[in-house]
N, C-alpha and C. Protein backbone atom coordinates (compact mmCIF):
# COMPACT_ATOMS: atom_id res chain seq x y z
N MET A 1 73.40 -31.85 29.82
CA MET A 1 72.40 -31.96 30.78
C MET A 1 71.29 -30.95 30.50
N THR A 2 70.15 -31.46 30.53
CA THR A 2 69.00 -30.60 30.29
C THR A 2 68.31 -30.32 31.59
N ARG A 3 67.96 -29.20 31.64
CA ARG A 3 67.27 -28.78 32.84
C ARG A 3 65.82 -28.50 32.49
N SER A 4 64.90 -29.01 33.18
CA SER A 4 63.51 -28.73 32.91
C SER A 4 63.03 -27.69 33.91
N HIS A 5 62.33 -26.80 33.35
CA HIS A 5 61.77 -25.75 34.21
C HIS A 5 60.30 -26.03 34.39
N ARG A 6 59.90 -26.14 35.54
CA ARG A 6 58.48 -26.31 35.85
C ARG A 6 57.94 -25.00 36.37
N LEU A 7 56.66 -24.76 36.01
CA LEU A 7 56.02 -23.55 36.52
C LEU A 7 55.67 -23.77 37.98
N PRO A 8 55.81 -22.75 38.73
CA PRO A 8 55.44 -22.92 40.14
C PRO A 8 53.93 -23.11 40.29
N GLN A 9 53.52 -23.81 41.30
CA GLN A 9 52.11 -24.06 41.55
C GLN A 9 51.39 -22.80 41.99
N ARG A 10 52.10 -21.91 42.63
CA ARG A 10 51.50 -20.66 43.09
C ARG A 10 52.38 -19.52 42.63
N LEU A 11 51.75 -18.40 42.50
CA LEU A 11 52.53 -17.23 42.11
C LEU A 11 53.46 -16.85 43.25
N PRO A 12 54.67 -16.46 42.91
CA PRO A 12 55.59 -16.06 43.97
C PRO A 12 55.09 -14.79 44.66
N GLY A 13 55.22 -14.73 45.91
CA GLY A 13 54.86 -13.57 46.71
C GLY A 13 53.38 -13.49 46.98
N SER A 14 52.60 -14.53 46.65
CA SER A 14 51.17 -14.46 46.88
C SER A 14 50.78 -14.99 48.24
N GLY A 15 51.70 -15.51 48.95
CA GLY A 15 51.42 -16.01 50.29
C GLY A 15 50.60 -17.28 50.23
N SER A 16 49.95 -17.57 51.31
CA SER A 16 49.19 -18.81 51.38
C SER A 16 47.80 -18.66 50.76
N ARG A 17 47.37 -17.42 50.58
CA ARG A 17 46.04 -17.20 50.01
C ARG A 17 46.08 -17.07 48.50
N GLY A 18 47.11 -17.21 47.84
CA GLY A 18 47.25 -16.97 46.40
C GLY A 18 46.48 -17.96 45.56
N PHE A 19 46.29 -17.58 44.31
CA PHE A 19 45.59 -18.43 43.36
C PHE A 19 46.61 -19.24 42.60
N SER A 20 46.21 -20.42 42.26
CA SER A 20 47.11 -21.25 41.46
C SER A 20 47.08 -20.74 40.03
N LEU A 21 48.12 -21.04 39.27
CA LEU A 21 48.19 -20.62 37.87
C LEU A 21 47.09 -21.28 37.06
N GLN A 22 46.77 -22.48 37.38
CA GLN A 22 45.72 -23.19 36.65
C GLN A 22 44.38 -22.48 36.84
N THR A 23 44.08 -22.06 38.05
CA THR A 23 42.84 -21.34 38.32
C THR A 23 42.82 -20.02 37.58
N LEU A 24 43.94 -19.33 37.56
CA LEU A 24 44.02 -18.07 36.84
C LEU A 24 43.86 -18.28 35.33
N ALA A 25 44.46 -19.32 34.80
CA ALA A 25 44.36 -19.60 33.36
C ALA A 25 42.92 -19.94 32.99
N ILE A 26 42.27 -20.76 33.79
CA ILE A 26 40.87 -21.10 33.53
C ILE A 26 39.99 -19.86 33.62
N SER A 27 40.24 -19.03 34.62
CA SER A 27 39.48 -17.79 34.77
C SER A 27 39.68 -16.87 33.57
N PHE A 28 40.90 -16.79 33.07
CA PHE A 28 41.20 -15.96 31.90
C PHE A 28 40.45 -16.49 30.66
N VAL A 29 40.48 -17.80 30.45
CA VAL A 29 39.80 -18.40 29.31
C VAL A 29 38.29 -18.16 29.42
N VAL A 30 37.73 -18.33 30.59
CA VAL A 30 36.29 -18.10 30.80
C VAL A 30 35.96 -16.63 30.53
N LEU A 31 36.80 -15.72 31.00
CA LEU A 31 36.59 -14.29 30.78
C LEU A 31 36.62 -13.95 29.29
N VAL A 32 37.57 -14.53 28.56
CA VAL A 32 37.66 -14.29 27.11
C VAL A 32 36.43 -14.86 26.42
N CYS A 33 36.00 -16.06 26.80
CA CYS A 33 34.80 -16.66 26.20
C CYS A 33 33.56 -15.81 26.48
N LEU A 34 33.42 -15.33 27.70
CA LEU A 34 32.28 -14.48 28.03
C LEU A 34 32.32 -13.17 27.26
N SER A 35 33.51 -12.63 27.08
CA SER A 35 33.67 -11.40 26.29
C SER A 35 33.26 -11.63 24.84
N LEU A 36 33.72 -12.76 24.27
CA LEU A 36 33.35 -13.08 22.89
C LEU A 36 31.83 -13.28 22.77
N LEU A 37 31.25 -13.95 23.74
CA LEU A 37 29.81 -14.17 23.75
C LEU A 37 29.07 -12.85 23.85
N ALA A 38 29.52 -11.95 24.70
CA ALA A 38 28.89 -10.64 24.85
C ALA A 38 28.99 -9.84 23.55
N ILE A 39 30.14 -9.87 22.90
CA ILE A 39 30.32 -9.17 21.62
C ILE A 39 29.38 -9.75 20.56
N GLN A 40 29.30 -11.08 20.52
CA GLN A 40 28.42 -11.73 19.54
C GLN A 40 26.96 -11.37 19.79
N LEU A 41 26.55 -11.37 21.05
CA LEU A 41 25.17 -10.99 21.38
C LEU A 41 24.90 -9.54 21.00
N TRP A 42 25.84 -8.66 21.28
CA TRP A 42 25.67 -7.26 20.92
C TRP A 42 25.57 -7.10 19.40
N MET A 43 26.40 -7.80 18.64
CA MET A 43 26.37 -7.71 17.17
C MET A 43 25.05 -8.27 16.63
N THR A 44 24.56 -9.36 17.21
CA THR A 44 23.29 -9.95 16.79
C THR A 44 22.15 -8.98 17.08
N TRP A 45 22.15 -8.37 18.25
CA TRP A 45 21.11 -7.41 18.62
C TRP A 45 21.14 -6.20 17.69
N ARG A 46 22.33 -5.72 17.39
CA ARG A 46 22.47 -4.58 16.49
C ARG A 46 21.99 -4.91 15.08
N ALA A 47 22.32 -6.11 14.59
CA ALA A 47 21.86 -6.54 13.27
C ALA A 47 20.34 -6.62 13.24
N ARG A 48 19.75 -7.08 14.32
CA ARG A 48 18.28 -7.15 14.41
C ARG A 48 17.68 -5.75 14.34
N GLU A 49 18.26 -4.81 15.06
CA GLU A 49 17.77 -3.43 15.03
C GLU A 49 17.87 -2.83 13.63
N VAL A 50 18.96 -3.11 12.94
CA VAL A 50 19.14 -2.60 11.58
C VAL A 50 18.08 -3.20 10.66
N GLN A 51 17.83 -4.50 10.78
CA GLN A 51 16.81 -5.14 9.95
C GLN A 51 15.42 -4.60 10.24
N LEU A 52 15.12 -4.36 11.51
CA LEU A 52 13.82 -3.79 11.86
C LEU A 52 13.67 -2.38 11.28
N ASP A 53 14.73 -1.58 11.35
CA ASP A 53 14.69 -0.23 10.77
C ASP A 53 14.49 -0.29 9.26
N GLU A 54 15.18 -1.21 8.59
CA GLU A 54 15.02 -1.35 7.14
C GLU A 54 13.62 -1.83 6.78
N ALA A 55 13.08 -2.74 7.58
CA ALA A 55 11.72 -3.23 7.33
C ALA A 55 10.70 -2.10 7.53
N ALA A 56 10.89 -1.31 8.56
CA ALA A 56 9.98 -0.19 8.81
C ALA A 56 10.07 0.82 7.66
N ARG A 57 11.26 1.11 7.21
CA ARG A 57 11.45 2.05 6.10
C ARG A 57 10.81 1.49 4.82
N GLY A 58 11.02 0.21 4.58
CA GLY A 58 10.42 -0.44 3.41
C GLY A 58 8.90 -0.43 3.46
N SER A 59 8.35 -0.71 4.63
CA SER A 59 6.89 -0.69 4.80
C SER A 59 6.34 0.72 4.59
N SER A 60 7.03 1.69 5.11
CA SER A 60 6.61 3.08 4.94
C SER A 60 6.65 3.48 3.46
N ASN A 61 7.71 3.10 2.77
CA ASN A 61 7.81 3.41 1.34
C ASN A 61 6.71 2.72 0.55
N LEU A 62 6.43 1.47 0.89
CA LEU A 62 5.39 0.73 0.20
C LEU A 62 4.02 1.37 0.44
N ALA A 63 3.74 1.74 1.68
CA ALA A 63 2.46 2.38 1.99
C ALA A 63 2.32 3.70 1.24
N GLN A 64 3.39 4.46 1.19
CA GLN A 64 3.36 5.74 0.46
C GLN A 64 3.16 5.50 -1.03
N SER A 65 3.81 4.48 -1.56
CA SER A 65 3.67 4.16 -2.98
C SER A 65 2.25 3.71 -3.31
N VAL A 66 1.67 2.87 -2.47
CA VAL A 66 0.30 2.40 -2.69
C VAL A 66 -0.68 3.57 -2.59
N ALA A 67 -0.46 4.44 -1.62
CA ALA A 67 -1.34 5.61 -1.48
C ALA A 67 -1.24 6.51 -2.70
N GLN A 68 -0.04 6.72 -3.20
CA GLN A 68 0.14 7.55 -4.39
C GLN A 68 -0.51 6.90 -5.60
N HIS A 69 -0.38 5.59 -5.71
CA HIS A 69 -1.00 4.87 -6.83
C HIS A 69 -2.53 4.98 -6.75
N ALA A 70 -3.08 4.83 -5.56
CA ALA A 70 -4.53 4.95 -5.39
C ALA A 70 -4.98 6.36 -5.75
N TYR A 71 -4.25 7.35 -5.29
CA TYR A 71 -4.59 8.74 -5.61
C TYR A 71 -4.55 8.97 -7.12
N ASP A 72 -3.50 8.50 -7.78
CA ASP A 72 -3.37 8.67 -9.23
C ASP A 72 -4.50 7.96 -9.97
N THR A 73 -4.85 6.77 -9.51
CA THR A 73 -5.93 6.01 -10.15
C THR A 73 -7.25 6.75 -10.03
N ILE A 74 -7.55 7.25 -8.85
CA ILE A 74 -8.80 7.98 -8.64
C ILE A 74 -8.78 9.29 -9.42
N LYS A 75 -7.62 9.93 -9.46
CA LYS A 75 -7.50 11.20 -10.19
C LYS A 75 -7.73 11.00 -11.68
N GLU A 76 -7.22 9.91 -12.25
CA GLU A 76 -7.44 9.62 -13.67
C GLU A 76 -8.93 9.46 -13.95
N ALA A 77 -9.60 8.66 -13.13
CA ALA A 77 -11.04 8.44 -13.33
C ALA A 77 -11.80 9.75 -13.11
N ASP A 78 -11.41 10.51 -12.12
CA ASP A 78 -12.07 11.77 -11.83
C ASP A 78 -11.92 12.75 -12.99
N THR A 79 -10.75 12.78 -13.60
CA THR A 79 -10.51 13.67 -14.74
C THR A 79 -11.46 13.35 -15.89
N VAL A 80 -11.63 12.08 -16.17
CA VAL A 80 -12.55 11.67 -17.23
C VAL A 80 -13.97 12.08 -16.86
N LEU A 81 -14.37 11.82 -15.62
CA LEU A 81 -15.73 12.12 -15.21
C LEU A 81 -16.02 13.61 -15.16
N VAL A 82 -15.06 14.41 -14.74
CA VAL A 82 -15.25 15.87 -14.70
C VAL A 82 -15.51 16.39 -16.11
N GLY A 83 -14.76 15.90 -17.08
CA GLY A 83 -14.98 16.32 -18.46
C GLY A 83 -16.35 15.92 -18.97
N LEU A 84 -16.78 14.72 -18.63
CA LEU A 84 -18.11 14.27 -19.05
C LEU A 84 -19.22 15.05 -18.37
N VAL A 85 -19.06 15.31 -17.08
CA VAL A 85 -20.08 16.08 -16.36
C VAL A 85 -20.20 17.48 -16.95
N GLU A 86 -19.07 18.10 -17.22
CA GLU A 86 -19.09 19.45 -17.80
C GLU A 86 -19.78 19.42 -19.16
N ARG A 87 -19.48 18.42 -19.93
CA ARG A 87 -20.07 18.28 -21.27
C ARG A 87 -21.58 18.08 -21.17
N MET A 88 -22.01 17.22 -20.24
CA MET A 88 -23.44 16.94 -20.12
C MET A 88 -24.18 18.13 -19.50
N GLU A 89 -23.56 18.87 -18.60
CA GLU A 89 -24.20 20.05 -18.03
C GLU A 89 -24.28 21.18 -19.04
N HIS A 90 -23.25 21.31 -19.89
CA HIS A 90 -23.23 22.37 -20.89
C HIS A 90 -24.24 22.08 -21.99
N ASP A 91 -24.24 20.87 -22.50
CA ASP A 91 -25.21 20.45 -23.52
C ASP A 91 -26.37 19.80 -22.78
N SER A 92 -27.50 20.38 -22.83
CA SER A 92 -28.66 19.86 -22.11
C SER A 92 -28.93 18.42 -22.54
N VAL A 93 -29.16 17.58 -21.55
CA VAL A 93 -29.41 16.16 -21.81
C VAL A 93 -30.66 15.99 -22.68
N ASP A 94 -31.65 16.85 -22.46
CA ASP A 94 -32.90 16.75 -23.22
C ASP A 94 -32.72 17.09 -24.69
N SER A 95 -31.74 17.96 -25.00
CA SER A 95 -31.57 18.40 -26.38
C SER A 95 -30.57 17.54 -27.16
N VAL A 96 -30.00 16.53 -26.52
CA VAL A 96 -29.02 15.68 -27.18
C VAL A 96 -29.74 14.72 -28.11
N GLY A 97 -29.31 14.69 -29.38
CA GLY A 97 -29.94 13.81 -30.36
C GLY A 97 -29.27 12.44 -30.39
N ASN A 98 -29.81 11.57 -31.22
CA ASN A 98 -29.28 10.21 -31.33
C ASN A 98 -27.85 10.19 -31.85
N ALA A 99 -27.53 11.06 -32.79
CA ALA A 99 -26.16 11.11 -33.33
C ALA A 99 -25.17 11.51 -32.24
N GLU A 100 -25.56 12.49 -31.42
CA GLU A 100 -24.70 12.92 -30.31
C GLU A 100 -24.56 11.81 -29.28
N LEU A 101 -25.62 11.09 -29.02
CA LEU A 101 -25.55 9.97 -28.07
C LEU A 101 -24.64 8.86 -28.60
N GLU A 102 -24.68 8.61 -29.89
CA GLU A 102 -23.77 7.62 -30.50
C GLU A 102 -22.32 8.05 -30.34
N ARG A 103 -22.04 9.33 -30.60
CA ARG A 103 -20.67 9.85 -30.43
C ARG A 103 -20.25 9.75 -28.97
N LEU A 104 -21.17 10.09 -28.06
CA LEU A 104 -20.88 10.00 -26.63
C LEU A 104 -20.63 8.55 -26.23
N HIS A 105 -21.40 7.63 -26.77
CA HIS A 105 -21.20 6.20 -26.50
C HIS A 105 -19.81 5.77 -26.95
N ASP A 106 -19.41 6.16 -28.16
CA ASP A 106 -18.08 5.80 -28.66
C ASP A 106 -16.98 6.37 -27.77
N LEU A 107 -17.19 7.61 -27.29
CA LEU A 107 -16.22 8.23 -26.40
C LEU A 107 -16.12 7.46 -25.08
N LEU A 108 -17.25 7.07 -24.53
CA LEU A 108 -17.26 6.34 -23.26
C LEU A 108 -16.58 4.98 -23.40
N VAL A 109 -16.83 4.29 -24.50
CA VAL A 109 -16.17 3.00 -24.73
C VAL A 109 -14.66 3.20 -24.78
N LEU A 110 -14.22 4.24 -25.47
CA LEU A 110 -12.79 4.54 -25.58
C LEU A 110 -12.19 4.86 -24.21
N ARG A 111 -12.86 5.68 -23.43
CA ARG A 111 -12.34 6.08 -22.11
C ARG A 111 -12.20 4.87 -21.17
N VAL A 112 -13.20 4.01 -21.16
CA VAL A 112 -13.13 2.84 -20.27
C VAL A 112 -12.04 1.88 -20.74
N ALA A 113 -11.84 1.78 -22.06
CA ALA A 113 -10.77 0.93 -22.57
C ALA A 113 -9.40 1.47 -22.18
N GLU A 114 -9.27 2.79 -22.10
CA GLU A 114 -8.00 3.42 -21.71
C GLU A 114 -7.72 3.30 -20.22
N LEU A 115 -8.76 3.25 -19.42
CA LEU A 115 -8.61 3.21 -17.97
C LEU A 115 -9.16 1.90 -17.41
N PRO A 116 -8.30 0.92 -17.22
CA PRO A 116 -8.78 -0.39 -16.74
C PRO A 116 -9.39 -0.33 -15.33
N GLN A 117 -9.12 0.74 -14.59
CA GLN A 117 -9.71 0.83 -13.25
C GLN A 117 -11.21 1.15 -13.30
N LEU A 118 -11.70 1.56 -14.46
CA LEU A 118 -13.13 1.82 -14.61
C LEU A 118 -13.82 0.59 -15.16
N HIS A 119 -14.88 0.19 -14.50
CA HIS A 119 -15.67 -0.94 -15.00
C HIS A 119 -16.63 -0.46 -16.08
N GLY A 120 -17.19 0.71 -15.87
CA GLY A 120 -18.13 1.25 -16.83
C GLY A 120 -18.53 2.66 -16.45
N ILE A 121 -18.97 3.40 -17.46
CA ILE A 121 -19.51 4.74 -17.25
C ILE A 121 -20.91 4.74 -17.83
N PHE A 122 -21.85 5.26 -17.06
CA PHE A 122 -23.24 5.27 -17.48
C PHE A 122 -23.79 6.68 -17.31
N ILE A 123 -24.58 7.11 -18.28
CA ILE A 123 -25.24 8.42 -18.21
C ILE A 123 -26.74 8.18 -18.27
N TYR A 124 -27.44 8.73 -17.26
CA TYR A 124 -28.88 8.56 -17.14
C TYR A 124 -29.57 9.91 -17.30
N ASP A 125 -30.82 9.87 -17.68
CA ASP A 125 -31.59 11.11 -17.66
C ASP A 125 -32.16 11.28 -16.26
N LYS A 126 -32.97 12.32 -16.06
CA LYS A 126 -33.47 12.62 -14.71
C LYS A 126 -34.42 11.56 -14.18
N ASP A 127 -34.93 10.71 -15.06
CA ASP A 127 -35.85 9.64 -14.63
C ASP A 127 -35.16 8.29 -14.48
N GLY A 128 -33.86 8.23 -14.72
CA GLY A 128 -33.12 6.99 -14.56
C GLY A 128 -32.97 6.18 -15.83
N ASN A 129 -33.45 6.68 -16.95
CA ASN A 129 -33.32 5.97 -18.22
C ASN A 129 -31.89 6.08 -18.73
N TRP A 130 -31.38 5.01 -19.29
CA TRP A 130 -30.02 5.01 -19.82
C TRP A 130 -29.99 5.84 -21.10
N LEU A 131 -29.07 6.81 -21.13
CA LEU A 131 -28.85 7.59 -22.34
C LEU A 131 -27.63 7.09 -23.10
N ALA A 132 -26.56 6.86 -22.36
CA ALA A 132 -25.32 6.38 -22.97
C ALA A 132 -24.57 5.58 -21.93
N ASN A 133 -23.70 4.69 -22.42
CA ASN A 133 -22.88 3.90 -21.50
C ASN A 133 -21.62 3.47 -22.23
N SER A 134 -20.75 2.83 -21.50
CA SER A 134 -19.46 2.43 -22.07
C SER A 134 -19.43 0.97 -22.49
N GLN A 135 -20.56 0.31 -22.48
CA GLN A 135 -20.59 -1.08 -22.92
C GLN A 135 -20.47 -1.13 -24.44
N LYS A 136 -20.03 -2.27 -24.94
CA LYS A 136 -19.80 -2.39 -26.38
C LYS A 136 -21.06 -2.10 -27.19
N THR A 137 -22.19 -2.59 -26.71
CA THR A 137 -23.45 -2.29 -27.39
C THR A 137 -24.22 -1.29 -26.55
N LEU A 138 -24.77 -0.30 -27.21
CA LEU A 138 -25.49 0.77 -26.53
C LEU A 138 -26.92 0.31 -26.23
N LEU A 139 -27.16 0.04 -24.97
CA LEU A 139 -28.50 -0.35 -24.53
C LEU A 139 -29.22 0.89 -24.03
N LYS A 140 -30.44 1.11 -24.50
CA LYS A 140 -31.15 2.32 -24.11
C LYS A 140 -32.45 2.03 -23.36
N ASN A 141 -32.92 0.81 -23.38
CA ASN A 141 -34.23 0.51 -22.81
C ASN A 141 -34.17 0.10 -21.34
N LEU A 142 -33.12 0.46 -20.65
CA LEU A 142 -32.98 0.09 -19.24
C LEU A 142 -33.18 1.32 -18.36
N ASN A 143 -33.52 1.08 -17.08
CA ASN A 143 -33.79 2.16 -16.16
C ASN A 143 -33.19 1.82 -14.80
N ASN A 144 -32.58 2.81 -14.18
CA ASN A 144 -31.94 2.61 -12.87
C ASN A 144 -32.56 3.49 -11.79
N ALA A 145 -33.76 3.93 -11.97
CA ALA A 145 -34.40 4.82 -11.01
C ALA A 145 -34.60 4.15 -9.65
N ASP A 146 -34.64 2.84 -9.60
CA ASP A 146 -34.84 2.13 -8.33
C ASP A 146 -33.56 1.91 -7.55
N ARG A 147 -32.44 2.24 -8.11
CA ARG A 147 -31.15 1.99 -7.45
C ARG A 147 -30.87 3.03 -6.37
N GLU A 148 -30.22 2.59 -5.32
CA GLU A 148 -29.93 3.46 -4.19
C GLU A 148 -29.03 4.63 -4.59
N TYR A 149 -28.00 4.36 -5.40
CA TYR A 149 -27.09 5.43 -5.79
C TYR A 149 -27.78 6.46 -6.68
N PHE A 150 -28.75 6.02 -7.50
CA PHE A 150 -29.48 6.97 -8.34
C PHE A 150 -30.34 7.87 -7.47
N LYS A 151 -31.02 7.28 -6.49
CA LYS A 151 -31.85 8.06 -5.56
C LYS A 151 -30.99 9.06 -4.78
N PHE A 152 -29.80 8.63 -4.40
CA PHE A 152 -28.89 9.52 -3.68
C PHE A 152 -28.59 10.76 -4.52
N HIS A 153 -28.26 10.56 -5.78
CA HIS A 153 -27.90 11.69 -6.64
C HIS A 153 -29.12 12.53 -7.02
N GLN A 154 -30.30 11.97 -6.99
CA GLN A 154 -31.50 12.77 -7.21
C GLN A 154 -31.72 13.73 -6.05
N LEU A 155 -31.37 13.29 -4.84
CA LEU A 155 -31.60 14.10 -3.64
C LEU A 155 -30.46 15.06 -3.33
N HIS A 156 -29.27 14.79 -3.85
CA HIS A 156 -28.10 15.60 -3.52
C HIS A 156 -27.53 16.24 -4.78
N ALA A 157 -27.30 17.54 -4.73
CA ALA A 157 -26.75 18.25 -5.89
C ALA A 157 -25.26 17.99 -6.04
N ASP A 158 -24.62 17.53 -4.98
CA ASP A 158 -23.18 17.25 -5.01
C ASP A 158 -22.90 16.14 -6.02
N CYS A 159 -21.87 16.33 -6.84
CA CYS A 159 -21.52 15.32 -7.85
C CYS A 159 -20.60 14.23 -7.30
N GLY A 160 -20.23 14.34 -6.04
CA GLY A 160 -19.34 13.36 -5.45
C GLY A 160 -20.02 12.01 -5.27
N PRO A 161 -19.24 10.98 -5.05
CA PRO A 161 -19.83 9.64 -4.89
C PRO A 161 -20.50 9.50 -3.53
N PRO A 162 -21.54 8.69 -3.46
CA PRO A 162 -22.11 8.39 -2.15
C PRO A 162 -21.10 7.59 -1.34
N CYS A 163 -21.19 7.66 -0.04
CA CYS A 163 -20.20 6.98 0.81
C CYS A 163 -20.59 5.56 1.12
N ARG A 164 -21.07 4.86 0.13
CA ARG A 164 -21.36 3.44 0.27
C ARG A 164 -21.21 2.80 -1.10
N PRO A 165 -20.87 1.53 -1.13
CA PRO A 165 -20.65 0.89 -2.44
C PRO A 165 -21.96 0.66 -3.18
N ALA A 166 -21.91 0.78 -4.48
CA ALA A 166 -23.07 0.46 -5.32
C ALA A 166 -23.06 -1.04 -5.58
N ARG A 167 -24.20 -1.68 -5.41
CA ARG A 167 -24.28 -3.13 -5.64
C ARG A 167 -25.09 -3.40 -6.89
N ALA A 168 -24.62 -4.32 -7.69
CA ALA A 168 -25.35 -4.71 -8.89
C ALA A 168 -26.60 -5.47 -8.51
N GLN A 169 -27.66 -5.25 -9.26
CA GLN A 169 -28.92 -5.96 -8.99
C GLN A 169 -29.25 -6.87 -10.14
């Protein structure tokens, strides 16, 4: 003889106000599901925060890298220009002969070829006439006295760049 055991409909000792086992089981399953959902939401939120932190760190590193690259690029060009300015100030522009201008032209072509960030280097006399440049052929019959940047440097002893872009005419 087999005896079947059935679960009671109500918990023993719960009186008339007690909860049925089915209600308790459903409540337990819902509680577990809500707990799993809460854990999943917390993990998703945490993963989002980690990704945002990594993105911020990456952006900061990139900005720092670009700034360093820009500084290095400007410093390279500045180093070349400082040497040329010293050379031109030491050797009077008026006393420079054609042979010296040819050597200076060859040097300028070499410097611009070494530094792709430079488009060209030009040396003018006090009246704006071209003395030397970094173009492949040395043009001497041109004048830039009418250019805004030339006028700026005529009026200012500072060797720094004007705070506006030079436009080709």
